[in-house]
């Protein structure tokens, strides 16, 4: 099914299961629908089965949203208590559309609980209380975590009562938007249909000695292998390490959930030359979840103390500040938080941790595969076969769960039936009827205004350029550095870096001048330090460090003040 057909069915208000192979555009289609609903003021709850996936979607976990936590069963007493929690009551009763991403990793019992909760809060016997539910994912990804005695058929949520009750319309996306026409796409489709032949095997084996460059990620099946590789590489670096400990606050159980779902470790040790991976999106600063880089040094900061400097694979260097992962109630109050530098060592990661990522290059070892589907998950992280070095694989590596296979074939059949039925059918009346039913707006002028607002805050395709341009606009409107930082939710240091780039492009930044006395003092210190040529005062790129300048100022200046003054020293 094409994305446009899937969108047409989503807009009609039916419950939908959105699926397809890796790179088919499930997340893109969901985001299109979310923007459509928001522009029409329809309340939409964006959730996912794991904290990692929720981060990708800018949502929260379904467990938190529905108030089910880690429970397997909810009594009448539990439900009554939940209704007394104001933030739960408000958003559950107001909900009109619920999206659950990475549905394959949600246990059947938990989907049943979400169904039970919504029926109770909506006071309706209809499936999920009568609201539209959209579940998205691919059941060839790794199955949900369950009890040791449980079979996959006990865990997969398409076997749940709630799934049957919801009568999901299946939209199986078939267009490829990641691997393109590369042979890797053929191999992935062959795994999905369990029709791997000798040609596919040979193509995979040929990659064993393939040159994939110097910047790649190693994927392994077991945590022990990953930890060992990362520790060995870190230990081999002779310099001293910097330790960064997470700051946790709020509800203890929710904090533990955050710890287990966030990719950033609770305690992170970094050294210069360490290979790292960003584990959160920050479009304004210029990195995304999965961005790879190398620690090139450390820098003092007024607010956070020592921070790592990371050079991305495209050559961009960033000073990496802590990020916060949090759980908020409906009133916007944070009830649990986990703050840490958004990095993890990335010489190697587990296949489980790689779910949801896209990698340009990877060295993968599938020799010790212990779960069907691991090989598919690992290989589907890549954009093309040219980025793969496969060290080995066992027979299980290219197998898929038999129940998932049967279900997938049935999903394809149901999707084809839906496409044949609705491809040329005009559903615009149903679209309008659903918006009215949800209490949304059909006023075109209002929709256009809302769309403009959404576009402004939408994630940027060109991360670096667009965010710098936003700073330019505010600066030209007369905003000071601190005001721009406050307005954009960024640090003054980031804004000063933006001004440095804009200055190079010819922008007059004299309005940001910190005062002649400040600049003159920094100029004298700078020249003195340059003359001395003490190696400890310089970064590897030849740039002078901020710390020796700050320490030589009288009275002591802040790091941001010195950063700004340096822009006016020729």
Protein backbone atom coordinates (compact mmCIF):
# COMPACT_ATOMS: atom_id res chain seq x y z
CA UNK A 1 0.00 0.00 0.00
CA UNK A 2 1.17 3.49 -0.84
CA UNK A 3 1.52 6.13 1.89
CA UNK A 4 -1.23 8.29 0.35
CA UNK A 5 -3.75 5.42 0.53
CA UNK A 6 -2.80 4.71 4.14
CA UNK A 7 -3.24 8.40 5.01
CA UNK A 8 -6.66 8.40 3.34
CA UNK A 9 -7.78 5.49 5.55
CA UNK A 10 -6.28 7.06 8.69
CA UNK A 11 -8.20 10.28 8.09
CA UNK A 12 -11.46 8.30 7.84
CA UNK A 13 -11.23 7.60 11.58
CA UNK A 14 -10.91 3.83 11.51
CA UNK A 15 -8.61 1.87 13.79
CA UNK A 16 -5.48 1.15 11.76
CA UNK A 17 -2.47 -1.15 12.00
CA UNK A 18 0.32 0.59 10.06
CA UNK A 19 3.12 -1.80 9.12
CA UNK A 20 5.72 -2.60 6.46
CA UNK A 21 9.39 -3.40 6.12
CA UNK A 22 12.22 -1.29 7.55
CA UNK A 23 12.46 1.99 5.67
CA UNK A 24 8.92 1.82 4.26
CA UNK A 25 7.98 5.14 5.86
CA UNK A 26 5.83 4.20 8.85
CA UNK A 27 7.13 7.05 11.03
CA UNK A 28 6.84 9.54 8.15
CA UNK A 29 3.20 8.55 7.53
CA UNK A 30 2.39 8.82 11.24
CA UNK A 31 3.94 12.28 11.42
CA UNK A 32 1.90 13.39 8.39
CA UNK A 33 -1.29 12.26 10.12
CA UNK A 34 -0.29 13.86 13.44
CA UNK A 35 0.26 17.21 11.70
CA UNK A 36 -3.10 16.84 9.91
CA UNK A 37 -4.89 16.29 13.24
CA UNK A 38 -3.06 19.08 15.07
CA UNK A 39 -3.86 21.57 12.32
CA UNK A 40 -7.56 20.71 12.85
CA UNK A 41 -7.27 20.86 16.66
CA UNK A 42 -8.01 17.19 17.21
CA UNK A 43 -6.43 15.94 20.47
CA UNK A 44 -3.91 13.23 19.59
CA UNK A 45 -1.93 11.18 22.10
CA UNK A 46 1.48 10.13 20.75
CA UNK A 47 2.89 7.12 22.56
CA UNK A 48 5.23 4.19 21.99
CA UNK A 49 5.93 0.82 23.58
CA UNK A 50 9.41 1.83 24.81
CA UNK A 51 11.08 4.96 26.07
CA UNK A 52 13.51 4.88 23.14
CA UNK A 53 10.73 4.78 20.55
CA UNK A 54 8.78 7.44 22.45
CA UNK A 55 11.80 9.74 22.22
CA UNK A 56 11.81 9.30 18.42
CA UNK A 57 8.16 10.29 18.24
CA UNK A 58 8.37 13.12 20.78
CA UNK A 59 5.79 11.32 22.88
CA UNK A 60 5.62 9.25 26.05
CA UNK A 61 5.42 5.53 26.73
CA UNK A 62 1.95 3.99 26.47
CA UNK A 63 2.49 2.62 29.99
CA UNK A 64 2.77 6.13 31.41
CA UNK A 65 0.02 7.64 29.25
CA UNK A 66 -2.52 4.95 30.14
CA UNK A 67 -1.41 4.79 33.78
CA UNK A 68 -0.79 1.02 33.62
CA UNK A 69 2.88 1.15 34.61
CA UNK A 70 4.33 -2.33 34.76
CA UNK A 71 1.08 -4.03 35.86
CA UNK A 72 -0.31 -7.17 34.19
CA UNK A 73 -3.76 -6.90 35.80
CA UNK A 74 -5.99 -4.00 36.88
CA UNK A 75 -8.74 -4.44 39.48
CA UNK A 76 -11.87 -2.26 39.79
CA UNK A 77 -10.18 -0.68 42.80
CA UNK A 78 -7.10 0.15 40.67
CA UNK A 79 -9.28 1.79 38.02
CA UNK A 80 -11.17 3.82 40.62
CA UNK A 81 -7.88 5.07 42.08
CA UNK A 82 -6.65 5.98 38.60
CA UNK A 83 -9.73 8.11 37.99
CA UNK A 84 -8.87 10.13 41.08
CA UNK A 85 -5.51 11.09 39.54
CA UNK A 86 -6.34 14.39 37.90
CA UNK A 87 -3.73 14.33 35.12
CA UNK A 88 -4.81 10.81 34.07
CA UNK A 89 -8.51 11.62 34.19
CA UNK A 90 -8.12 14.73 32.03
CA UNK A 91 -6.08 13.33 29.18
CA UNK A 92 -7.83 9.94 29.06
CA UNK A 93 -11.30 11.45 28.99
CA UNK A 94 -10.29 14.05 26.39
CA UNK A 95 -8.47 11.60 24.12
CA UNK A 96 -9.83 11.30 20.58
CA UNK A 97 -6.93 9.63 18.77
CA UNK A 98 -4.31 7.34 20.30
CA UNK A 99 -1.11 6.41 18.45
CA UNK A 100 1.09 3.55 19.72
CA UNK A 101 4.39 3.20 17.86
CA UNK A 102 6.67 0.12 17.92
CA UNK A 103 3.62 -2.01 18.71
CA UNK A 104 5.60 -5.22 18.22
CA UNK A 105 7.39 -4.60 21.54
CA UNK A 106 4.14 -4.16 23.52
CA UNK A 107 3.00 -7.28 25.35
CA UNK A 108 -0.51 -8.62 24.59
CA UNK A 109 -1.49 -8.23 28.26
CA UNK A 110 -0.54 -4.55 28.17
CA UNK A 111 -2.65 -3.82 25.08
CA UNK A 112 -5.59 -5.48 26.85
CA UNK A 113 -4.99 -3.18 29.83
CA UNK A 114 -4.97 -0.05 27.65
CA UNK A 115 -8.30 -1.23 26.19
CA UNK A 116 -9.69 -1.81 29.70
CA UNK A 117 -8.55 1.62 30.95
CA UNK A 118 -10.03 3.55 28.01
CA UNK A 119 -13.37 1.72 28.27
CA UNK A 120 -13.53 2.65 31.95
CA UNK A 121 -12.61 6.32 31.51
CA UNK A 122 -14.77 6.80 28.40
CA UNK A 123 -17.63 4.86 30.02
CA UNK A 124 -18.08 2.91 26.81
CA UNK A 125 -18.11 -0.79 25.89
CA UNK A 126 -16.66 -0.04 22.46
CA UNK A 127 -13.08 -1.10 21.73
CA UNK A 128 -10.70 1.36 23.41
CA UNK A 129 -13.66 3.40 24.59
CA UNK A 130 -14.65 4.34 21.03
CA UNK A 131 -11.61 6.49 20.19
CA UNK A 132 -9.48 5.97 17.08
CA UNK A 133 -6.45 3.80 17.82
CA UNK A 134 -3.50 3.57 15.43
CA UNK A 135 -0.81 1.02 16.13
CA UNK A 136 2.40 0.99 14.08
CA UNK A 137 5.32 -1.35 13.86
CA UNK A 138 6.75 -4.49 12.35
CA UNK A 139 6.34 -7.89 14.03
CA UNK A 140 9.61 -9.07 12.47
CA UNK A 141 11.36 -6.80 14.97
CA UNK A 142 12.30 -8.41 18.28
CA UNK A 143 9.32 -9.58 20.40
CA UNK A 144 8.24 -8.07 23.72
CA UNK A 145 10.02 -9.05 26.90
CA UNK A 146 7.96 -11.60 28.81
CA UNK A 147 8.23 -14.29 31.46
CA UNK A 148 10.68 -17.11 30.76
CA UNK A 149 7.92 -19.71 30.32
CA UNK A 150 5.96 -17.56 27.84
CA UNK A 151 5.85 -18.41 24.15
CA UNK A 152 5.81 -15.69 21.52
CA UNK A 153 2.12 -16.42 20.86
CA UNK A 154 1.46 -15.38 24.48
CA UNK A 155 3.41 -12.15 23.97
CA UNK A 156 2.54 -10.82 20.50
CA UNK A 157 -0.23 -8.27 20.89
CA UNK A 158 -1.97 -9.32 17.63
CA UNK A 159 -3.01 -12.40 19.63
CA UNK A 160 -4.75 -10.26 22.28
CA UNK A 161 -8.50 -9.83 22.82
CA UNK A 162 -8.09 -6.07 22.40
CA UNK A 163 -6.57 -6.52 18.94
CA UNK A 164 -9.47 -8.66 17.76
CA UNK A 165 -11.99 -6.27 19.29
CA UNK A 166 -10.43 -3.20 17.62
CA UNK A 167 -10.89 -4.64 14.09
CA UNK A 168 -7.78 -2.87 12.83
CA UNK A 169 -7.69 -1.92 9.17
CA UNK A 170 -4.26 -3.10 7.98
CA UNK A 171 -2.13 -0.67 5.96
CA UNK A 172 0.98 -2.55 4.83
CA UNK A 173 3.37 0.02 3.30
CA UNK A 174 5.36 -1.42 0.42
CA UNK A 175 7.42 1.48 -0.98
CA UNK A 176 11.06 1.64 0.08
CA UNK A 177 12.50 4.90 1.35
CA UNK A 178 15.69 3.73 3.08
CA UNK A 179 17.55 0.98 1.22
CA UNK A 180 16.49 1.99 -2.30
CA UNK A 181 17.41 -0.43 -5.05
CA UNK A 182 20.41 -1.84 -3.22
CA UNK A 183 20.77 -5.64 -2.99
CA UNK A 184 20.30 -5.28 0.78
CA UNK A 185 16.65 -4.52 0.11
CA UNK A 186 16.35 -7.83 -1.81
CA UNK A 187 17.99 -9.69 1.09
CA UNK A 188 15.67 -8.11 3.68
CA UNK A 189 12.61 -8.96 1.60
CA UNK A 190 13.94 -12.51 1.18
CA UNK A 191 14.30 -12.82 4.96
CA UNK A 192 10.74 -11.51 5.38
CA UNK A 193 9.43 -14.13 2.98
CA UNK A 194 11.92 -16.77 4.23
CA UNK A 195 13.17 -17.32 0.68
CA UNK A 196 16.90 -16.71 1.23
CA UNK A 197 18.95 -18.32 -1.57
CA UNK A 198 22.63 -18.95 -2.20
CA UNK A 199 23.05 -15.68 -4.06
CA UNK A 200 21.89 -13.75 -0.96
CA UNK A 201 24.22 -15.80 1.28
CA UNK A 202 27.19 -15.13 -1.00
CA UNK A 203 26.42 -11.39 -1.08
CA UNK A 204 26.43 -11.33 2.73
CA UNK A 205 29.61 -13.43 3.01
CA UNK A 206 31.45 -11.14 0.57
CA UNK A 207 31.07 -8.25 3.00
CA UNK A 208 33.35 -9.93 5.57
CA UNK A 209 36.47 -8.18 4.22
CA UNK A 210 34.66 -5.11 2.95
CA UNK A 211 36.15 -1.67 3.61
CA UNK A 212 33.43 0.34 5.37
CA UNK A 213 35.64 3.28 6.36
CA UNK A 214 36.87 4.30 9.76
CA UNK A 215 33.57 5.44 11.23
CA UNK A 216 31.20 2.56 11.84
CA UNK A 217 29.23 0.91 14.62
CA UNK A 218 29.75 -2.67 15.80
CA UNK A 219 26.54 -4.61 16.48
CA UNK A 220 26.62 -7.70 18.68
CA UNK A 221 23.95 -10.02 20.02
CA UNK A 222 25.10 -10.04 23.67
CA UNK A 223 25.62 -7.22 26.18
CA UNK A 224 28.77 -8.87 27.49
CA UNK A 225 30.47 -8.63 24.07
CA UNK A 226 29.48 -4.97 23.68
CA UNK A 227 30.66 -3.98 27.15
CA UNK A 228 33.93 -5.81 26.68
CA UNK A 229 34.69 -4.18 23.31
CA UNK A 230 33.83 -0.69 24.56
CA UNK A 231 35.82 -1.14 27.76
CA UNK A 232 38.86 -2.48 25.88
CA UNK A 233 38.87 0.44 23.47
CA UNK A 234 38.37 3.00 26.23
CA UNK A 235 41.06 1.39 28.41
CA UNK A 236 43.51 1.39 25.49
CA UNK A 237 43.42 5.21 25.44
CA UNK A 238 46.25 6.32 27.70
CA UNK A 239 44.76 9.61 28.91
CA UNK A 240 42.65 10.14 32.05
CA UNK A 241 38.91 9.85 31.75
CA UNK A 242 36.12 12.25 32.72
CA UNK A 243 33.17 10.72 34.56
CA UNK A 244 29.63 12.03 34.10
CA UNK A 245 26.96 10.80 36.53
CA UNK A 246 23.26 11.11 35.75
CA UNK A 247 21.04 13.26 37.96
CA UNK A 248 17.73 11.57 38.71
CA UNK A 249 14.67 13.07 40.36
CA UNK A 250 11.01 12.28 41.00
CA UNK A 251 8.91 9.14 41.27
CA UNK A 252 11.27 6.22 41.97
CA UNK A 253 9.46 3.67 39.75
CA UNK A 254 9.25 6.09 36.83
CA UNK A 255 12.91 7.00 37.29
CA UNK A 256 13.79 3.29 37.06
CA UNK A 257 11.71 3.04 33.88
CA UNK A 258 13.62 5.99 32.43
CA UNK A 259 16.96 4.38 33.38
CA UNK A 260 16.04 1.18 31.57
CA UNK A 261 14.69 2.86 28.42
CA UNK A 262 17.17 5.70 27.92
CA UNK A 263 20.27 4.75 25.96
CA UNK A 264 22.54 7.09 27.93
CA UNK A 265 24.23 5.17 30.79
CA UNK A 266 23.73 6.21 34.39
CA UNK A 267 27.50 6.59 34.75
CA UNK A 268 29.46 7.60 31.65
CA UNK A 269 33.26 7.66 31.42
CA UNK A 270 34.72 9.48 28.41
CA UNK A 271 38.25 10.06 27.19
CA UNK A 272 39.70 12.08 24.38
CA UNK A 273 39.43 10.03 21.13
CA UNK A 274 36.55 7.93 22.49
CA UNK A 275 34.02 6.86 19.81
CA UNK A 276 30.56 7.99 20.85
CA UNK A 277 27.00 8.02 19.68
CA UNK A 278 24.32 10.60 20.45
CA UNK A 279 21.26 9.02 22.02
CA UNK A 280 18.76 11.88 21.74
CA UNK A 281 17.49 14.28 19.10
CA UNK A 282 18.44 17.94 19.44
CA UNK A 283 17.70 19.54 16.11
CA UNK A 284 18.54 23.02 17.33
CA UNK A 285 22.07 22.16 18.40
CA UNK A 286 22.65 19.91 15.38
CA UNK A 287 22.60 16.23 16.35
CA UNK A 288 20.11 13.41 16.16
CA UNK A 289 19.67 10.06 17.83
CA UNK A 290 22.31 7.81 16.22
CA UNK A 291 24.76 10.59 15.19
CA UNK A 292 28.31 9.26 15.50
CA UNK A 293 31.39 11.16 16.50
CA UNK A 294 34.60 11.29 18.46
CA UNK A 295 35.46 13.09 21.70
CA UNK A 296 38.10 15.69 20.77
CA UNK A 297 38.49 17.28 24.19
CA UNK A 298 36.76 18.79 27.23
CA UNK A 299 35.83 22.35 28.10
CA UNK A 300 34.86 24.16 31.28
CA UNK A 301 31.34 25.57 31.49
CA UNK A 302 29.86 28.00 34.01
CA UNK A 303 26.69 25.99 34.52
CA UNK A 304 27.75 22.35 34.11
CA UNK A 305 31.46 22.29 34.91
CA UNK A 306 33.44 20.08 32.50
CA UNK A 307 31.69 19.18 29.23
CA UNK A 308 32.85 16.94 26.35
CA UNK A 309 33.57 18.33 22.87
CA UNK A 310 32.54 15.96 20.12
CA UNK A 311 33.41 16.09 16.45
CA UNK A 312 30.70 14.59 14.26
CA UNK A 313 31.49 12.57 11.15
CA UNK A 314 30.69 15.62 8.99
CA UNK A 315 33.41 17.62 10.77
CA UNK A 316 31.09 19.72 12.95
CA UNK A 317 32.35 20.15 16.52
CA UNK A 318 29.83 20.47 19.34
CA UNK A 319 30.13 21.18 23.05
CA UNK A 320 27.73 18.58 24.46
CA UNK A 321 25.54 19.69 27.33
CA UNK A 322 23.37 17.39 29.47
CA UNK A 323 19.90 16.52 28.19
CA UNK A 324 16.88 15.64 30.28
CA UNK A 325 14.54 12.72 29.69
CA UNK A 326 11.38 13.22 31.66
CA UNK A 327 7.87 12.03 32.32
CA UNK A 328 5.32 14.85 32.64
CA UNK A 329 1.77 14.70 33.85
CA UNK A 330 -1.00 16.27 31.79
CA UNK A 331 -0.63 19.58 33.56
CA UNK A 332 2.92 19.74 32.25
CA UNK A 333 4.52 19.08 35.64
CA UNK A 334 7.57 16.83 35.53
CA UNK A 335 7.08 13.83 37.81
CA UNK A 336 10.31 11.97 36.97
CA UNK A 337 13.52 13.01 35.24
CA UNK A 338 16.88 11.63 34.17
CA UNK A 339 19.59 14.13 33.21
CA UNK A 340 22.79 12.98 31.54
CA UNK A 341 25.22 13.80 28.73
CA UNK A 342 23.35 12.35 25.68
CA UNK A 343 26.20 10.06 24.64
CA UNK A 344 27.20 6.43 24.94
CA UNK A 345 30.38 4.67 23.93
CA UNK A 346 29.89 3.46 20.40
CA UNK A 347 32.68 1.19 19.35
CA UNK A 348 29.94 -1.43 19.82
CA UNK A 349 26.20 -1.64 20.75
CA UNK A 350 23.71 -4.54 21.09
CA UNK A 351 21.26 -5.38 18.34
CA UNK A 352 18.40 -4.82 20.81
CA UNK A 353 19.65 -1.26 21.45
CA UNK A 354 19.93 -0.61 17.73
CA UNK A 355 16.17 -1.02 17.11
CA UNK A 356 14.81 2.15 15.55
CA UNK A 357 18.23 3.41 14.40
CA UNK A 358 19.53 4.00 10.88
CA UNK A 359 23.27 3.41 10.41
CA UNK A 360 25.49 4.38 7.49
CA UNK A 361 28.06 1.66 8.29
CA UNK A 362 28.21 -1.26 10.71
CA UNK A 363 30.32 -4.29 11.56
CA UNK A 364 27.93 -7.03 12.64
CA UNK A 365 28.55 -10.41 14.26
CA UNK A 366 25.58 -12.78 14.14
CA UNK A 367 27.56 -15.91 15.04
CA UNK A 368 25.88 -16.18 18.46
CA UNK A 369 22.32 -15.24 17.51
CA UNK A 370 19.97 -16.60 20.18
CA UNK A 371 16.62 -15.19 19.07
CA UNK A 372 14.84 -15.35 15.75
CA UNK A 373 14.60 -11.91 14.20
CA UNK A 374 17.96 -10.62 15.51
CA UNK A 375 19.60 -10.92 12.11
CA UNK A 376 16.76 -9.09 10.39
CA UNK A 377 16.82 -6.25 12.94
CA UNK A 378 20.59 -5.86 12.64
CA UNK A 379 20.71 -5.87 8.83
CA UNK A 380 17.71 -3.56 8.49
CA UNK A 381 19.53 -0.81 10.40
CA UNK A 382 21.73 -0.22 7.35
CA UNK A 383 21.08 1.96 4.32
CA UNK A 384 22.92 -0.30 1.88
CA UNK A 385 25.09 -3.41 1.63
CA UNK A 386 28.14 -1.23 0.97
CA UNK A 387 28.00 -0.17 4.62
CA UNK A 388 28.04 -3.74 5.96
CA UNK A 389 30.86 -5.89 7.25
CA UNK A 390 29.32 -9.18 8.41
CA UNK A 391 31.82 -11.16 10.48
CA UNK A 392 29.69 -14.30 10.66
CA UNK A 393 26.22 -15.69 11.24
CA UNK A 394 24.58 -18.91 12.42
CA UNK A 395 21.55 -20.64 10.94
CA UNK A 396 19.14 -18.88 13.28
CA UNK A 397 20.38 -15.43 12.25
CA UNK A 398 18.29 -15.28 9.08
CA UNK A 399 15.20 -16.98 10.54
CA UNK A 400 12.00 -15.33 11.69
CA UNK A 401 9.40 -16.37 14.20
CA UNK A 402 6.92 -18.75 12.49
CA UNK A 403 3.88 -17.11 14.08
CA UNK A 404 5.10 -13.65 13.00
CA UNK A 405 5.54 -15.06 9.47
CA UNK A 406 1.99 -16.40 9.31
CA UNK A 407 0.61 -13.17 10.72
CA UNK A 408 2.62 -11.08 8.26
CA UNK A 409 1.25 -12.99 5.27
CA UNK A 410 -2.27 -12.43 6.56
CA UNK A 411 -1.53 -8.73 7.13
CA UNK A 412 -0.40 -8.40 3.51
CA UNK A 413 -3.60 -10.05 2.28
CA UNK A 414 -5.79 -7.76 4.39
CA UNK A 415 -3.85 -4.69 3.25
CA UNK A 416 -4.24 -5.67 -0.42
CA UNK A 417 -7.99 -6.11 0.10
CA UNK A 418 -8.22 -2.64 1.68
CA UNK A 419 -6.20 -1.07 -1.12
CA UNK A 420 -8.36 -2.68 -3.80
CA UNK A 421 -11.49 -1.49 -2.01
CA UNK A 422 -10.47 2.10 -1.24
CA UNK A 423 -7.84 3.07 -3.85
CA UNK A 424 -10.22 5.04 -6.06
CA UNK A 425 -12.91 5.81 -3.45
CA UNK A 426 -13.41 9.43 -2.36
CA UNK A 427 -13.44 9.47 1.46
CA UNK A 428 -13.46 13.25 1.93
CA UNK A 429 -16.96 13.21 3.49
CA UNK A 430 -15.80 10.63 6.04
CA UNK A 431 -12.71 12.75 6.73
CA UNK A 432 -14.84 15.79 7.58
CA UNK A 433 -17.30 13.71 9.59
CA UNK A 434 -14.47 12.31 11.72
CA UNK A 435 -13.01 15.78 12.44
CA UNK A 436 -16.49 16.98 13.52
CA UNK A 437 -16.94 13.87 15.66
CA UNK A 438 -13.62 14.67 17.43
CA UNK A 439 -14.63 18.30 18.05
CA UNK A 440 -11.98 19.63 15.65
CA UNK A 441 -12.17 22.54 13.22
CA UNK A 442 -12.96 22.52 9.49
CA UNK A 443 -12.42 26.26 9.10
CA UNK A 444 -9.81 26.55 6.32
CA UNK A 445 -8.36 29.88 7.50
CA UNK A 446 -7.88 28.46 11.01
CA UNK A 447 -6.34 25.27 9.62
CA UNK A 448 -3.84 27.29 7.56
CA UNK A 449 -2.84 29.37 10.61
CA UNK A 450 -2.34 26.22 12.63
CA UNK A 451 -0.29 24.62 9.84
CA UNK A 452 2.03 27.63 9.78
CA UNK A 453 2.59 27.29 13.53
CA UNK A 454 3.30 23.57 13.15
CA UNK A 455 5.74 24.21 10.32
CA UNK A 456 7.63 26.69 12.49
CA UNK A 457 8.17 24.15 15.21
CA UNK A 458 8.57 21.11 12.96
CA UNK A 459 11.88 19.30 12.96
CA UNK A 460 14.33 20.74 10.54
CA UNK A 461 15.73 18.85 7.61
CA UNK A 462 18.80 21.03 7.44
CA UNK A 463 19.68 21.03 11.10
CA UNK A 464 22.65 23.34 11.19
CA UNK A 465 21.59 26.01 8.72
CA UNK A 466 17.98 26.49 9.77
CA UNK A 467 18.70 26.77 13.47
CA UNK A 468 21.42 29.39 12.83
CA UNK A 469 19.00 31.31 10.63
CA UNK A 470 16.45 31.36 13.44
CA UNK A 471 19.08 33.00 15.65
CA UNK A 472 19.84 35.51 12.87
CA UNK A 473 16.17 36.55 12.64
CA UNK A 474 15.90 37.16 16.39
CA UNK A 475 19.25 38.97 16.52
CA UNK A 476 18.25 41.28 13.69
CA UNK A 477 15.01 42.00 15.55
CA UNK A 478 17.12 43.41 18.40
CA UNK A 479 17.17 40.46 20.81
CA UNK A 480 20.24 40.14 23.07
CA UNK A 481 22.16 36.87 23.41
CA UNK A 482 20.46 35.89 26.69
CA UNK A 483 17.03 36.80 25.31
CA UNK A 484 17.59 34.67 22.18
CA UNK A 485 18.72 31.77 24.38
CA UNK A 486 15.61 32.09 26.55
CA UNK A 487 13.29 32.46 23.55
CA UNK A 488 14.71 29.37 21.81
CA UNK A 489 15.30 27.20 24.87
CA UNK A 490 19.04 27.03 24.17
CA UNK A 491 22.14 28.03 26.14
CA UNK A 492 23.93 31.35 25.60
CA UNK A 493 27.03 29.35 24.51
CA UNK A 494 25.05 27.83 21.61
CA UNK A 495 23.74 31.26 20.56
CA UNK A 496 27.28 32.72 20.66
CA UNK A 497 28.43 29.84 18.41
CA UNK A 498 25.60 30.75 16.01
CA UNK A 499 26.75 34.39 16.01
CA UNK A 500 30.31 33.27 15.22
CA UNK A 501 29.02 31.45 12.12
CA UNK A 502 26.87 34.41 11.09
CA UNK A 503 29.80 36.79 11.56
CA UNK A 504 31.86 34.69 9.15
CA UNK A 505 28.98 34.96 6.68
CA UNK A 506 29.21 38.78 6.89
CA UNK A 507 26.58 39.63 9.52
CA UNK A 508 27.37 42.72 11.58
CA UNK A 509 27.19 41.50 15.20
CA UNK A 510 28.43 44.72 16.82
CA UNK A 511 25.15 44.98 18.77
CA UNK A 512 26.34 41.99 20.81
CA UNK A 513 29.60 43.74 21.80
CA UNK A 514 30.20 43.05 25.53
CA UNK A 515 31.91 46.41 26.14
CA UNK A 516 35.35 47.78 25.25
CA UNK A 517 36.79 47.14 28.74
CA UNK A 518 35.84 43.46 28.55
CA UNK A 519 37.13 42.98 25.01
CA UNK A 520 40.37 44.82 25.73
CA UNK A 521 41.14 42.71 28.81
CA UNK A 522 40.40 39.47 26.94
CA UNK A 523 42.51 40.69 23.96
CA UNK A 524 45.56 41.31 26.21
CA UNK A 525 45.24 37.90 27.91
CA UNK A 526 44.69 36.17 24.58
CA UNK A 527 47.80 37.75 23.01
CA UNK A 528 49.87 36.93 26.10
CA UNK A 529 48.83 33.27 26.02
CA UNK A 530 49.43 33.00 22.27
CA UNK A 531 52.93 34.42 22.76
CA UNK A 532 53.77 31.90 25.51
CA UNK A 533 52.69 28.93 23.35
CA UNK A 534 52.05 26.65 26.31
CA UNK A 535 50.64 23.41 24.76
CA UNK A 536 48.27 23.01 27.73
CA UNK A 537 46.50 26.20 26.70
CA UNK A 538 45.58 24.96 23.22
CA UNK A 539 43.17 22.40 21.78
CA UNK A 540 44.36 19.94 19.14
CA UNK A 541 42.80 22.09 16.43
CA UNK A 542 45.09 24.96 17.45
CA UNK A 543 42.29 26.97 19.11
CA UNK A 544 43.09 28.51 22.48
CA UNK A 545 41.16 27.08 25.42
CA UNK A 546 38.72 29.24 27.34
CA UNK A 547 39.81 28.17 30.80
CA UNK A 548 43.24 29.91 30.92
CA UNK A 549 41.66 33.15 29.67
CA UNK A 550 38.83 32.99 32.22
CA UNK A 551 41.26 32.27 35.06
CA UNK A 552 43.43 35.26 34.11
CA UNK A 553 40.56 37.80 34.10
CA UNK A 554 40.11 40.28 36.97
CA UNK A 555 37.40 40.40 38.20
CA UNK A 556 36.66 36.83 37.08
CA UNK A 557 34.56 36.74 33.90
CA UNK A 558 32.15 33.98 32.94
CA UNK A 559 32.90 31.55 30.10
CA UNK A 560 30.09 32.96 27.94
CA UNK A 561 31.41 36.49 28.44
CA UNK A 562 34.85 35.39 27.23
CA UNK A 563 33.33 33.44 24.31
CA UNK A 564 31.53 36.59 23.18
CA UNK A 565 34.56 38.86 23.64
CA UNK A 566 36.70 36.56 21.47
CA UNK A 567 34.38 37.25 18.52
CA UNK A 568 35.58 40.88 18.57
CA UNK A 569 39.31 40.13 18.72
CA UNK A 570 41.01 40.26 15.33
